[in-house]
Amino acid sequence: MSTFSIFLVLIVIVAFLLVLVIMVQNPKGGGLSSSFGGGGTQQIGGVQKTSDFLDKSTWALATLLLVLILLSNIAIDGANGTSESTALDQDATTSQPLPNTQPLDNTATPIINGATKDSTN
């Protein structure tokens, strides 16, 4: 398994976890954070702690996702062994000429309005 494949699997897992954390949150006070608070005044590690955890985990997962994406780009370049510009330069030097290319014949007389330039009416 290549390093890019490992990064790809990690990116998918982190993206899935990020979706779950975002879906649990509710900006209007609902969601998971309101279900732990209950209706009473007794809040031992209730709503505030849950919403802080969800907020911090969202930022952490988003940052981790960005870092993994950047590292996977480095892993792609490292796996190829060459940069993209040198690969394009190598392709340009090994290209083959076009088949059946012949120079233009400039000796033909041009046709203007259905008649040649040299003909008289």
PDB file of N, CA and C in Angstrom:
ATOM      1  N   MET A   1       0.854  -1.178   0.000  1.00  0.00           N
ATOM      2  CA  MET A   1       0.000   0.000   0.000  1.00  0.00           C
ATOM      3  C   MET A   1       0.900   1.242   0.000  1.00  0.00           C
ATOM      4  N   SER A   2       0.669   2.138  -0.944  1.00  0.00           N
ATOM      5  CA  SER A   2       1.514   3.324  -1.067  1.00  0.00           C
ATOM      6  C   SER A   2       1.137   4.368  -0.017  1.00  0.00           C
ATOM      7  N   THR A   3       2.014   5.338   0.147  1.00  0.00           N
ATOM      8  CA  THR A   3       1.747   6.394   1.135  1.00  0.00           C
ATOM      9  C   THR A   3       0.544   7.226   0.731  1.00  0.00           C
ATOM     10  N   PHE A   4       0.358   7.398  -0.576  1.00  0.00           N
ATOM     11  CA  PHE A   4      -0.813   8.151  -1.017  1.00  0.00           C
ATOM     12  C   PHE A   4      -2.098   7.414  -0.652  1.00  0.00           C
ATOM     13  N   SER A   5      -2.108   6.103  -0.769  1.00  0.00           N
ATOM     14  CA  SER A   5      -3.295   5.323  -0.401  1.00  0.00           C
ATOM     15  C   SER A   5      -3.588   5.439   1.093  1.00  0.00           C
ATOM     16  N   ILE A   6      -2.541   5.450   1.890  1.00  0.00           N
ATOM     17  CA  ILE A   6      -2.729   5.623   3.337  1.00  0.00           C
ATOM     18  C   ILE A   6      -3.331   6.987   3.630  1.00  0.00           C
ATOM     19  N   PHE A   7      -2.789   8.023   2.991  1.00  0.00           N
ATOM     20  CA  PHE A   7      -3.340   9.369   3.175  1.00  0.00           C
ATOM     21  C   PHE A   7      -4.784   9.444   2.697  1.00  0.00           C
ATOM     22  N   LEU A   8      -5.089   8.765   1.611  1.00  0.00           N
ATOM     23  CA  LEU A   8      -6.447   8.781   1.079  1.00  0.00           C
ATOM     24  C   LEU A   8      -7.432   8.145   2.060  1.00  0.00           C
ATOM     25  N   VAL A   9      -7.050   7.041   2.662  1.00  0.00           N
ATOM     26  CA  VAL A   9      -7.912   6.384   3.651  1.00  0.00           C
ATOM     27  C   VAL A   9      -8.102   7.286   4.870  1.00  0.00           C
ATOM     28  N   LEU A  10      -7.017   7.909   5.335  1.00  0.00           N
ATOM     29  CA  LEU A  10      -7.116   8.816   6.476  1.00  0.00           C
ATOM     30  C   LEU A  10      -7.994  10.028   6.167  1.00  0.00           C
ATOM     31  N   ILE A  11      -7.903  10.549   4.961  1.00  0.00           N
ATOM     32  CA  ILE A  11      -8.726  11.695   4.557  1.00  0.00           C
ATOM     33  C   ILE A  11     -10.204  11.320   4.575  1.00  0.00           C
ATOM     34  N   VAL A  12     -10.532  10.140   4.077  1.00  0.00           N
ATOM     35  CA  VAL A  12     -11.930   9.695   4.058  1.00  0.00           C
ATOM     36  C   VAL A  12     -12.456   9.515   5.481  1.00  0.00           C
ATOM     37  N   ILE A  13     -11.644   8.935   6.361  1.00  0.00           N
ATOM     38  CA  ILE A  13     -12.077   8.726   7.756  1.00  0.00           C
ATOM     39  C   ILE A  13     -12.293  10.060   8.458  1.00  0.00           C
ATOM     40  N   VAL A  14     -11.352  10.989   8.295  1.00  0.00           N
ATOM     41  CA  VAL A  14     -11.475  12.297   8.947  1.00  0.00           C
ATOM     42  C   VAL A  14     -12.672  13.067   8.377  1.00  0.00           C
ATOM     43  N   ALA A  15     -12.884  12.981   7.084  1.00  0.00           N
ATOM     44  CA  ALA A  15     -14.038  13.665   6.487  1.00  0.00           C
ATOM     45  C   ALA A  15     -15.352  13.097   7.020  1.00  0.00           C
ATOM     46  N   PHE A  16     -15.419  11.780   7.186  1.00  0.00           N
ATOM     47  CA  PHE A  16     -16.622  11.156   7.738  1.00  0.00           C
ATOM     48  C   PHE A  16     -16.858  11.609   9.178  1.00  0.00           C
ATOM     49  N   LEU A  17     -15.785  11.629   9.988  1.00  0.00           N
ATOM     50  CA  LEU A  17     -15.920  12.087  11.370  1.00  0.00           C
ATOM     51  C   LEU A  17     -16.330  13.557  11.432  1.00  0.00           C
ATOM     52  N   LEU A  18     -15.800  14.367  10.526  1.00  0.00           N
ATOM     53  CA  LEU A  18     -16.160  15.780  10.490  1.00  0.00           C
ATOM     54  C   LEU A  18     -17.634  15.967  10.152  1.00  0.00           C
ATOM     55  N   VAL A  19     -18.133  15.174   9.234  1.00  0.00           N
ATOM     56  CA  VAL A  19     -19.563  15.243   8.898  1.00  0.00           C
ATOM     57  C   VAL A  19     -20.410  14.854  10.107  1.00  0.00           C
ATOM     58  N   LEU A  20     -20.009  13.799  10.815  1.00  0.00           N
ATOM     59  CA  LEU A  20     -20.767  13.381  11.997  1.00  0.00           C
ATOM     60  C   LEU A  20     -20.785  14.466  13.071  1.00  0.00           C
ATOM     61  N   VAL A  21     -19.639  15.079  13.340  1.00  0.00           N
ATOM     62  CA  VAL A  21     -19.563  16.106  14.374  1.00  0.00           C
ATOM     63  C   VAL A  21     -20.402  17.319  13.990  1.00  0.00           C
ATOM     64  N   ILE A  22     -20.372  17.689  12.725  1.00  0.00           N
ATOM     65  CA  ILE A  22     -21.164  18.842  12.280  1.00  0.00           C
ATOM     66  C   ILE A  22     -22.653  18.537  12.329  1.00  0.00           C
ATOM     67  N   MET A  23     -23.038  17.319  11.981  1.00  0.00           N
ATOM     68  CA  MET A  23     -24.461  16.971  11.999  1.00  0.00           C
ATOM     69  C   MET A  23     -25.020  16.894  13.426  1.00  0.00           C
ATOM     70  N   VAL A  24     -24.182  16.573  14.403  1.00  0.00           N
ATOM     71  CA  VAL A  24     -24.635  16.501  15.793  1.00  0.00           C
ATOM     72  C   VAL A  24     -24.939  17.895  16.326  1.00  0.00           C
ATOM     73  N   GLN A  25     -24.201  18.883  15.842  1.00  0.00           N
ATOM     74  CA  GLN A  25     -24.412  20.251  16.316  1.00  0.00           C
ATOM     75  C   GLN A  25     -25.701  20.821  15.751  1.00  0.00           C
ATOM     76  N   ASN A  26     -26.322  21.713  16.522  1.00  0.00           N
ATOM     77  CA  ASN A  26     -27.496  22.436  16.061  1.00  0.00           C
ATOM     78  C   ASN A  26     -27.312  23.889  16.495  1.00  0.00           C
ATOM     79  N   PRO A  27     -27.280  24.823  15.565  1.00  0.00           N
ATOM     80  CA  PRO A  27     -26.987  26.206  15.944  1.00  0.00           C
ATOM     81  C   PRO A  27     -28.072  26.874  16.785  1.00  0.00           C
ATOM     82  N   LYS A  28     -29.269  26.334  16.816  1.00  0.00           N
ATOM     83  CA  LYS A  28     -30.366  26.954  17.573  1.00  0.00           C
ATOM     84  C   LYS A  28     -30.510  26.381  18.973  1.00  0.00           C
ATOM     85  N   GLY A  29     -29.516  25.667  19.437  1.00  0.00           N
ATOM     86  CA  GLY A  29     -29.577  25.150  20.803  1.00  0.00           C
ATOM     87  C   GLY A  29     -30.091  23.732  20.885  1.00  0.00           C
ATOM     88  N   GLY A  30     -30.438  23.123  19.781  1.00  0.00           N
ATOM     89  CA  GLY A  30     -30.917  21.750  19.800  1.00  0.00           C
ATOM     90  C   GLY A  30     -29.754  20.794  19.639  1.00  0.00           C
ATOM     91  N   GLY A  31     -30.032  19.641  19.132  1.00  0.00           N
ATOM     92  CA  GLY A  31     -28.983  18.676  18.878  1.00  0.00           C
ATOM     93  C   GLY A  31     -28.519  17.969  20.135  1.00  0.00           C
ATOM     94  N   LEU A  32     -27.305  17.455  20.080  1.00  0.00           N
ATOM     95  CA  LEU A  32     -26.768  16.677  21.182  1.00  0.00           C
ATOM     96  C   LEU A  32     -26.529  17.533  22.416  1.00  0.00           C
ATOM     97  N   SER A  33     -26.108  18.771  22.218  1.00  0.00           N
ATOM     98  CA  SER A  33     -25.783  19.613  23.369  1.00  0.00           C
ATOM     99  C   SER A  33     -27.013  19.932  24.207  1.00  0.00           C
ATOM    100  N   SER A  34     -28.191  20.042  23.621  1.00  0.00           N
ATOM    101  CA  SER A  34     -29.384  20.346  24.418  1.00  0.00           C
ATOM    102  C   SER A  34     -29.967  19.112  25.082  1.00  0.00           C
ATOM    103  N   SER A  35     -29.719  17.934  24.521  1.00  0.00           N
ATOM    104  CA  SER A  35     -30.283  16.733  25.114  1.00  0.00           C
ATOM    105  C   SER A  35     -29.578  16.352  26.416  1.00  0.00           C
ATOM    106  N   PHE A  36     -28.336  16.766  26.612  1.00  0.00           N
ATOM    107  CA  PHE A  36     -27.637  16.476  27.855  1.00  0.00           C
ATOM    108  C   PHE A  36     -27.952  17.487  28.942  1.00  0.00           C
ATOM    109  N   GLY A  37     -28.458  18.643  28.590  1.00  0.00           N
ATOM    110  CA  GLY A  37     -28.721  19.684  29.579  1.00  0.00           C
ATOM    111  C   GLY A  37     -29.945  19.410  30.414  1.00  0.00           C
ATOM    112  N   GLY A  38     -30.921  18.748  29.867  1.00  0.00           N
ATOM    113  CA  GLY A  38     -32.163  18.498  30.591  1.00  0.00           C
ATOM    114  C   GLY A  38     -32.985  19.769  30.723  1.00  0.00           C
ATOM    115  N   GLY A  39     -34.062  19.710  31.453  1.00  0.00           N
ATOM    116  CA  GLY A  39     -34.929  20.866  31.620  1.00  0.00           C
ATOM    117  C   GLY A  39     -34.708  21.595  32.926  1.00  0.00           C
ATOM    118  N   GLY A  40     -33.981  20.965  33.835  1.00  0.00           N
ATOM    119  CA  GLY A  40     -33.811  21.552  35.163  1.00  0.00           C
ATOM    120  C   GLY A  40     -32.624  22.491  35.238  1.00  0.00           C
ATOM    121  N   THR A  41     -32.404  22.979  36.435  1.00  0.00           N
ATOM    122  CA  THR A  41     -31.301  23.906  36.647  1.00  0.00           C
ATOM    123  C   THR A  41     -30.006  23.184  36.969  1.00  0.00           C
ATOM    124  N   GLN A  42     -30.049  21.882  37.157  1.00  0.00           N
ATOM    125  CA  GLN A  42     -28.865  21.116  37.513  1.00  0.00           C
ATOM    126  C   GLN A  42     -28.098  20.759  36.242  1.00  0.00           C
ATOM    127  N   GLN A  43     -26.912  21.356  36.085  1.00  0.00           N
ATOM    128  CA  GLN A  43     -26.092  21.089  34.903  1.00  0.00           C
ATOM    129  C   GLN A  43     -24.678  20.767  35.345  1.00  0.00           C
ATOM    130  N   ILE A  44     -24.410  19.516  35.533  1.00  0.00           N
ATOM    131  CA  ILE A  44     -23.060  19.087  35.888  1.00  0.00           C
ATOM    132  C   ILE A  44     -22.396  18.608  34.600  1.00  0.00           C
ATOM    133  N   GLY A  45     -21.558  19.456  34.016  1.00  0.00           N
ATOM    134  CA  GLY A  45     -20.913  19.108  32.746  1.00  0.00           C
ATOM    135  C   GLY A  45     -21.910  18.967  31.636  1.00  0.00           C
ATOM    136  N   GLY A  46     -22.933  19.791  31.610  1.00  0.00           N
ATOM    137  CA  GLY A  46     -24.031  19.655  30.663  1.00  0.00           C
ATOM    138  C   GLY A  46     -23.785  20.316  29.332  1.00  0.00           C
ATOM    139  N   VAL A  47     -24.630  21.268  29.012  1.00  0.00           N
ATOM    140  CA  VAL A  47     -24.682  21.855  27.672  1.00  0.00           C
ATOM    141  C   VAL A  47     -23.388  22.561  27.299  1.00  0.00           C
ATOM    142  N   GLN A  48     -22.849  23.338  28.194  1.00  0.00           N
ATOM    143  CA  GLN A  48     -21.675  24.142  27.859  1.00  0.00           C
ATOM    144  C   GLN A  48     -20.481  23.258  27.517  1.00  0.00           C
ATOM    145  N   LYS A  49     -20.265  22.199  28.303  1.00  0.00           N
ATOM    146  CA  LYS A  49     -19.125  21.306  28.053  1.00  0.00           C
ATOM    147  C   LYS A  49     -19.305  20.555  26.733  1.00  0.00           C
ATOM    148  N   THR A  50     -20.511  20.121  26.428  1.00  0.00           N
ATOM    149  CA  THR A  50     -20.756  19.382  25.197  1.00  0.00           C
ATOM    150  C   THR A  50     -20.561  20.268  23.982  1.00  0.00           C
ATOM    151  N   SER A  51     -21.078  21.488  24.022  1.00  0.00           N
ATOM    152  CA  SER A  51     -20.931  22.370  22.865  1.00  0.00           C
ATOM    153  C   SER A  51     -19.477  22.806  22.696  1.00  0.00           C
ATOM    154  N   ASP A  52     -18.738  22.972  23.801  1.00  0.00           N
ATOM    155  CA  ASP A  52     -17.312  23.290  23.687  1.00  0.00           C
ATOM    156  C   ASP A  52     -16.549  22.135  23.047  1.00  0.00           C
ATOM    157  N   PHE A  53     -16.880  20.911  23.465  1.00  0.00           N
ATOM    158  CA  PHE A  53     -16.221  19.744  22.889  1.00  0.00           C
ATOM    159  C   PHE A  53     -16.518  19.623  21.393  1.00  0.00           C
ATOM    160  N   LEU A  54     -17.766  19.808  21.006  1.00  0.00           N
ATOM    161  CA  LEU A  54     -18.125  19.701  19.593  1.00  0.00           C
ATOM    162  C   LEU A  54     -17.467  20.808  18.771  1.00  0.00           C
ATOM    163  N   ASP A  55     -17.379  22.010  19.333  1.00  0.00           N
ATOM    164  CA  ASP A  55     -16.752  23.121  18.625  1.00  0.00           C
ATOM    165  C   ASP A  55     -15.259  22.869  18.441  1.00  0.00           C
ATOM    166  N   LYS A  56     -14.591  22.427  19.498  1.00  0.00           N
ATOM    167  CA  LYS A  56     -13.151  22.155  19.414  1.00  0.00           C
ATOM    168  C   LYS A  56     -12.848  20.973  18.498  1.00  0.00           C
ATOM    169  N   SER A  57     -13.695  19.953  18.554  1.00  0.00           N
ATOM    170  CA  SER A  57     -13.457  18.792  17.685  1.00  0.00           C
ATOM    171  C   SER A  57     -13.705  19.140  16.221  1.00  0.00           C
ATOM    172  N   THR A  58     -14.641  20.047  15.954  1.00  0.00           N
ATOM    173  CA  THR A  58     -14.861  20.474  14.570  1.00  0.00           C
ATOM    174  C   THR A  58     -13.628  21.173  14.025  1.00  0.00           C
ATOM    175  N   TRP A  59     -13.078  22.102  14.795  1.00  0.00           N
ATOM    176  CA  TRP A  59     -11.877  22.817  14.352  1.00  0.00           C
ATOM    177  C   TRP A  59     -10.683  21.874  14.227  1.00  0.00           C
ATOM    178  N   ALA A  60     -10.544  20.940  15.157  1.00  0.00           N
ATOM    179  CA  ALA A  60      -9.424  20.003  15.110  1.00  0.00           C
ATOM    180  C   ALA A  60      -9.517  19.090  13.892  1.00  0.00           C
ATOM    181  N   LEU A  61     -10.714  18.568  13.618  1.00  0.00           N
ATOM    182  CA  LEU A  61     -10.881  17.685  12.457  1.00  0.00           C
ATOM    183  C   LEU A  61     -10.710  18.442  11.143  1.00  0.00           C
ATOM    184  N   ALA A  62     -11.185  19.670  11.086  1.00  0.00           N
ATOM    185  CA  ALA A  62     -11.019  20.475   9.866  1.00  0.00           C
ATOM    186  C   ALA A  62      -9.544  20.775   9.611  1.00  0.00           C
ATOM    187  N   THR A  63      -8.816  21.089  10.673  1.00  0.00           N
ATOM    188  CA  THR A  63      -7.379  21.347  10.529  1.00  0.00           C
ATOM    189  C   THR A  63      -6.638  20.079  10.119  1.00  0.00           C
ATOM    190  N   LEU A  64      -6.987  18.966  10.739  1.00  0.00           N
ATOM    191  CA  LEU A  64      -6.368  17.697  10.393  1.00  0.00           C
ATOM    192  C   LEU A  64      -6.651  17.316   8.939  1.00  0.00           C
ATOM    193  N   LEU A  65      -7.858  17.572   8.487  1.00  0.00           N
ATOM    194  CA  LEU A  65      -8.205  17.280   7.093  1.00  0.00           C
ATOM    195  C   LEU A  65      -7.362  18.108   6.135  1.00  0.00           C
ATOM    196  N   LEU A  66      -7.190  19.378   6.428  1.00  0.00           N
ATOM    197  CA  LEU A  66      -6.380  20.247   5.577  1.00  0.00           C
ATOM    198  C   LEU A  66      -4.924  19.790   5.555  1.00  0.00           C
ATOM    199  N   VAL A  67      -4.379  19.433   6.707  1.00  0.00           N
ATOM    200  CA  VAL A  67      -2.996  18.967   6.777  1.00  0.00           C
ATOM    201  C   VAL A  67      -2.818  17.657   6.007  1.00  0.00           C
ATOM    202  N   LEU A  68      -3.767  16.748   6.141  1.00  0.00           N
ATOM    203  CA  LEU A  68      -3.677  15.482   5.409  1.00  0.00           C
ATOM    204  C   LEU A  68      -3.741  15.689   3.899  1.00  0.00           C
ATOM    205  N   ILE A  69      -4.553  16.620   3.453  1.00  0.00           N
ATOM    206  CA  ILE A  69      -4.648  16.901   2.024  1.00  0.00           C
ATOM    207  C   ILE A  69      -3.334  17.464   1.505  1.00  0.00           C
ATOM    208  N   LEU A  70      -2.727  18.377   2.269  1.00  0.00           N
ATOM    209  CA  LEU A  70      -1.443  18.931   1.846  1.00  0.00           C
ATOM    210  C   LEU A  70      -0.342  17.869   1.857  1.00  0.00           C
ATOM    211  N   LEU A  71      -0.324  17.018   2.865  1.00  0.00           N
ATOM    212  CA  LEU A  71       0.678  15.958   2.918  1.00  0.00           C
ATOM    213  C   LEU A  71       0.480  14.926   1.806  1.00  0.00           C
ATOM    214  N   SER A  72      -0.758  14.662   1.431  1.00  0.00           N
ATOM    215  CA  SER A  72      -0.993  13.715   0.337  1.00  0.00           C
ATOM    216  C   SER A  72      -0.478  14.275  -0.986  1.00  0.00           C
ATOM    217  N   ASN A  73      -0.540  15.592  -1.150  1.00  0.00           N
ATOM    218  CA  ASN A  73       0.011  16.204  -2.351  1.00  0.00           C
ATOM    219  C   ASN A  73       1.522  16.017  -2.404  1.00  0.00           C
ATOM    220  N   ILE A  74       2.177  16.135  -1.255  1.00  0.00           N
ATOM    221  CA  ILE A  74       3.624  15.903  -1.198  1.00  0.00           C
ATOM    222  C   ILE A  74       3.925  14.432  -1.466  1.00  0.00           C
ATOM    223  N   ALA A  75       3.077  13.544  -0.962  1.00  0.00           N
ATOM    224  CA  ALA A  75       3.275  12.105  -1.186  1.00  0.00           C
ATOM    225  C   ALA A  75       3.129  11.746  -2.654  1.00  0.00           C
ATOM    226  N   ILE A  76       2.252  12.425  -3.368  1.00  0.00           N
ATOM    227  CA  ILE A  76       2.098  12.164  -4.805  1.00  0.00           C
ATOM    228  C   ILE A  76       3.368  12.565  -5.540  1.00  0.00           C
ATOM    229  N   ASP A  77       3.915  13.757  -5.242  1.00  0.00           N
ATOM    230  CA  ASP A  77       5.131  14.215  -5.903  1.00  0.00           C
ATOM    231  C   ASP A  77       6.316  13.332  -5.549  1.00  0.00           C
ATOM    232  N   GLY A  78       6.380  12.872  -4.301  1.00  0.00           N
ATOM    233  CA  GLY A  78       7.480  12.017  -3.891  1.00  0.00           C
ATOM    234  C   GLY A  78       7.403  10.636  -4.520  1.00  0.00           C
ATOM    235  N   ALA A  79       6.213  10.143  -4.777  1.00  0.00           N
ATOM    236  CA  ALA A  79       6.048   8.808  -5.365  1.00  0.00           C
ATOM    237  C   ALA A  79       6.464   8.795  -6.830  1.00  0.00           C
ATOM    238  N   ASN A  80       6.242   9.891  -7.539  1.00  0.00           N
ATOM    239  CA  ASN A  80       6.597   9.950  -8.950  1.00  0.00           C
ATOM    240  C   ASN A  80       8.095  10.086  -9.147  1.00  0.00           C
ATOM    241  N   GLY A  81       8.770  10.712  -8.215  1.00  0.00           N
ATOM    242  CA  GLY A  81      10.206  10.878  -8.335  1.00  0.00           C
ATOM    243  C   GLY A  81      10.611  12.081  -9.161  1.00  0.00           C
ATOM    244  N   THR A  82       9.696  12.619  -9.938  1.00  0.00           N
ATOM    245  CA  THR A  82       9.982  13.802 -10.735  1.00  0.00           C
ATOM    246  C   THR A  82       8.859  14.798 -10.536  1.00  0.00           C
ATOM    247  N   SER A  83       9.185  16.022 -10.747  1.00  0.00           N
ATOM    248  CA  SER A  83       8.138  17.031 -10.646  1.00  0.00           C
ATOM    249  C   SER A  83       7.355  17.063 -11.947  1.00  0.00           C
ATOM    250  N   GLU A  84       6.237  17.732 -11.923  1.00  0.00           N
ATOM    251  CA  GLU A  84       5.372  17.769 -13.095  1.00  0.00           C
ATOM    252  C   GLU A  84       6.030  18.507 -14.252  1.00  0.00           C
ATOM    253  N   SER A  85       6.767  19.557 -13.968  1.00  0.00           N
ATOM    254  CA  SER A  85       7.378  20.336 -15.041  1.00  0.00           C
ATOM    255  C   SER A  85       8.464  19.542 -15.754  1.00  0.00           C
ATOM    256  N   THR A  86       9.255  18.738 -15.023  1.00  0.00           N
ATOM    257  CA  THR A  86      10.272  17.948 -15.692  1.00  0.00           C
ATOM    258  C   THR A  86       9.641  16.821 -16.490  1.00  0.00           C
ATOM    259  N   ALA A  87       8.522  16.300 -16.017  1.00  0.00           N
ATOM    260  CA  ALA A  87       7.834  15.260 -16.779  1.00  0.00           C
ATOM    261  C   ALA A  87       7.295  15.827 -18.087  1.00  0.00           C
ATOM    262  N   LEU A  88       6.790  17.062 -18.054  1.00  0.00           N
ATOM    263  CA  LEU A  88       6.307  17.694 -19.282  1.00  0.00           C
ATOM    264  C   LEU A  88       7.458  17.981 -20.229  1.00  0.00           C
ATOM    265  N   ASP A  89       8.611  18.392 -19.695  1.00  0.00           N
ATOM    266  CA  ASP A  89       9.776  18.644 -20.536  1.00  0.00           C
ATOM    267  C   ASP A  89      10.246  17.367 -21.205  1.00  0.00           C
ATOM    268  N   GLN A  90      10.212  16.254 -20.488  1.00  0.00           N
ATOM    269  CA  GLN A  90      10.622  14.986 -21.068  1.00  0.00           C
ATOM    270  C   GLN A  90       9.661  14.556 -22.166  1.00  0.00           C
ATOM    271  N   ASP A  91       8.364  14.794 -21.985  1.00  0.00           N
ATOM    272  CA  ASP A  91       7.395  14.458 -23.015  1.00  0.00           C
ATOM    273  C   ASP A  91       7.599  15.311 -24.259  1.00  0.00           C
ATOM    274  N   ALA A  92       7.965  16.569 -24.070  1.00  0.00           N
ATOM    275  CA  ALA A  92       8.166  17.464 -25.212  1.00  0.00           C
ATOM    276  C   ALA A  92       9.380  17.051 -26.022  1.00  0.00           C
ATOM    277  N   THR A  93      10.428  16.550 -25.383  1.00  0.00           N
ATOM    278  CA  THR A  93      11.629  16.168 -26.111  1.00  0.00           C
ATOM    279  C   THR A  93      11.473  14.827 -26.814  1.00  0.00           C
ATOM    280  N   THR A  94      10.594  13.986 -26.348  1.00  0.00           N
ATOM    281  CA  THR A  94      10.422  12.678 -26.970  1.00  0.00           C
ATOM    282  C   THR A  94       9.245  12.636 -27.938  1.00  0.00           C
ATOM    283  N   SER A  95       8.638  13.778 -28.216  1.00  0.00           N
ATOM    284  CA  SER A  95       7.499  13.769 -29.136  1.00  0.00           C
ATOM    285  C   SER A  95       7.978  13.512 -30.553  1.00  0.00           C
ATOM    286  N   GLN A  96       7.134  12.888 -31.341  1.00  0.00           N
ATOM    287  CA  GLN A  96       7.478  12.536 -32.712  1.00  0.00           C
ATOM    288  C   GLN A  96       6.881  13.553 -33.662  1.00  0.00           C
ATOM    289  N   PRO A  97       7.520  13.756 -34.821  1.00  0.00           N
ATOM    290  CA  PRO A  97       6.984  14.722 -35.784  1.00  0.00           C
ATOM    291  C   PRO A  97       5.658  14.244 -36.364  1.00  0.00           C
ATOM    292  N   LEU A  98       4.900  15.159 -36.897  1.00  0.00           N
ATOM    293  CA  LEU A  98       3.618  14.823 -37.515  1.00  0.00           C
ATOM    294  C   LEU A  98       3.845  13.999 -38.773  1.00  0.00           C
ATOM    295  N   PRO A  99       3.013  13.006 -39.033  1.00  0.00           N
ATOM    296  CA  PRO A  99       3.194  12.190 -40.239  1.00  0.00           C
ATOM    297  C   PRO A  99       2.770  12.954 -41.491  1.00  0.00           C
ATOM    298  N   ASN A 100       3.460  12.663 -42.607  1.00  0.00           N
ATOM    299  CA  ASN A 100       3.144  13.210 -43.932  1.00  0.00           C
ATOM    300  C   ASN A 100       3.098  14.735 -43.945  1.00  0.00           C
ATOM    301  N   THR A 101       4.054  15.363 -43.330  1.00  0.00           N
ATOM    302  CA  THR A 101       4.097  16.819 -43.406  1.00  0.00           C
ATOM    303  C   THR A 101       4.927  17.213 -44.618  1.00  0.00           C
ATOM    304  N   GLN A 102       4.358  18.045 -45.458  1.00  0.00           N
ATOM    305  CA  GLN A 102       5.032  18.510 -46.660  1.00  0.00           C
ATOM    306  C   GLN A 102       4.961  20.033 -46.687  1.00  0.00           C
ATOM    307  N   PRO A 103       5.967  20.686 -47.265  1.00  0.00           N
ATOM    308  CA  PRO A 103       5.917  22.140 -47.342  1.00  0.00           C
ATOM    309  C   PRO A 103       4.816  22.602 -48.288  1.00  0.00           C
ATOM    310  N   LEU A 104       4.329  23.805 -48.065  1.00  0.00           N
ATOM    311  CA  LEU A 104       3.281  24.366 -48.924  1.00  0.00           C
ATOM    312  C   LEU A 104       3.825  24.686 -50.301  1.00  0.00           C
ATOM    313  N   ASP A 105       3.005  24.496 -51.315  1.00  0.00           N
ATOM    314  CA  ASP A 105       3.387  24.799 -52.693  1.00  0.00           C
ATOM    315  C   ASP A 105       2.871  26.192 -53.024  1.00  0.00           C
ATOM    316  N   ASN A 106       3.773  27.153 -53.162  1.00  0.00           N
ATOM    317  CA  ASN A 106       3.390  28.536 -53.444  1.00  0.00           C
ATOM    318  C   ASN A 106       3.340  28.851 -54.929  1.00  0.00           C
ATOM    319  N   THR A 107       3.526  27.865 -55.806  1.00  0.00           N
ATOM    320  CA  THR A 107       3.551  28.125 -57.241  1.00  0.00           C
ATOM    321  C   THR A 107       2.179  28.055 -57.876  1.00  0.00           C
ATOM    322  N   ALA A 108       1.180  27.595 -57.180  1.00  0.00           N
ATOM    323  CA  ALA A 108      -0.161  27.464 -57.753  1.00  0.00           C
ATOM    324  C   ALA A 108      -0.766  28.851 -57.944  1.00  0.00           C
ATOM    325  N   THR A 109      -1.545  28.998 -58.989  1.00  0.00           N
ATOM    326  CA  THR A 109      -2.197  30.284 -59.238  1.00  0.00           C
ATOM    327  C   THR A 109      -3.468  30.375 -58.413  1.00  0.00           C
ATOM    328  N   PRO A 110      -3.700  31.499 -57.774  1.00  0.00           N
ATOM    329  CA  PRO A 110      -4.905  31.630 -56.944  1.00  0.00           C
ATOM    330  C   PRO A 110      -6.168  31.746 -57.787  1.00  0.00           C
ATOM    331  N   ILE A 111      -7.276  31.270 -57.249  1.00  0.00           N
ATOM    332  CA  ILE A 111      -8.564  31.342 -57.922  1.00  0.00           C
ATOM    333  C   ILE A 111      -9.367  32.467 -57.277  1.00  0.00           C
ATOM    334  N   ILE A 112      -9.773  33.422 -58.091  1.00  0.00           N
ATOM    335  CA  ILE A 112     -10.536  34.559 -57.613  1.00  0.00           C
ATOM    336  C   ILE A 112     -11.865  34.583 -58.356  1.00  0.00           C
ATOM    337  N   ASN A 113     -12.978  34.516 -57.662  1.00  0.00           N
ATOM    338  CA  ASN A 113     -14.328  34.536 -58.217  1.00  0.00           C
ATOM    339  C   ASN A 113     -14.530  33.477 -59.288  1.00  0.00           C
ATOM    340  N   GLY A 114     -14.020  32.306 -59.049  1.00  0.00           N
ATOM    341  CA  GLY A 114     -14.249  31.189 -59.965  1.00  0.00           C
ATOM    342  C   GLY A 114     -13.311  31.176 -61.137  1.00  0.00           C
ATOM    343  N   ALA A 115     -12.474  32.161 -61.331  1.00  0.00           N
ATOM    344  CA  ALA A 115     -11.528  32.184 -62.452  1.00  0.00           C
ATOM    345  C   ALA A 115     -10.138  32.388 -61.906  1.00  0.00           C
ATOM    346  N   THR A 116      -9.160  31.902 -62.640  1.00  0.00           N
ATOM    347  CA  THR A 116      -7.789  32.114 -62.219  1.00  0.00           C
ATOM    348  C   THR A 116      -7.373  33.543 -62.491  1.00  0.00           C
ATOM    349  N   LYS A 117      -6.340  33.962 -61.853  1.00  0.00           N
ATOM    350  CA  LYS A 117      -5.890  35.337 -61.989  1.00  0.00           C
ATOM    351  C   LYS A 117      -5.328  35.605 -63.375  1.00  0.00           C
ATOM    352  N   ASP A 118      -4.746  34.578 -63.989  1.00  0.00           N
ATOM    353  CA  ASP A 118      -4.112  34.762 -65.300  1.00  0.00           C
ATOM    354  C   ASP A 118      -5.113  34.738 -66.459  1.00  0.00           C
ATOM    355  N   SER A 119      -6.286  34.163 -66.281  1.00  0.00           N
ATOM    356  CA  SER A 119      -7.230  34.015 -67.404  1.00  0.00           C
ATOM    357  C   SER A 119      -7.939  35.334 -67.678  1.00  0.00           C
ATOM    358  N   THR A 120      -8.264  35.541 -68.940  1.00  0.00           N
ATOM    359  CA  THR A 120      -8.999  36.741 -69.362  1.00  0.00           C
ATOM    360  C   THR A 120     -10.351  36.340 -69.895  1.00  0.00           C
ATOM    361  N   ASN A 121     -11.299  37.225 -69.770  1.00  0.00           N
ATOM    362  CA  ASN A 121     -12.658  36.920 -70.241  1.00  0.00           C
ATOM    363  C   ASN A 121     -12.888  37.377 -71.633  1.00  0.00           C
TER     364      ASN A 121
END
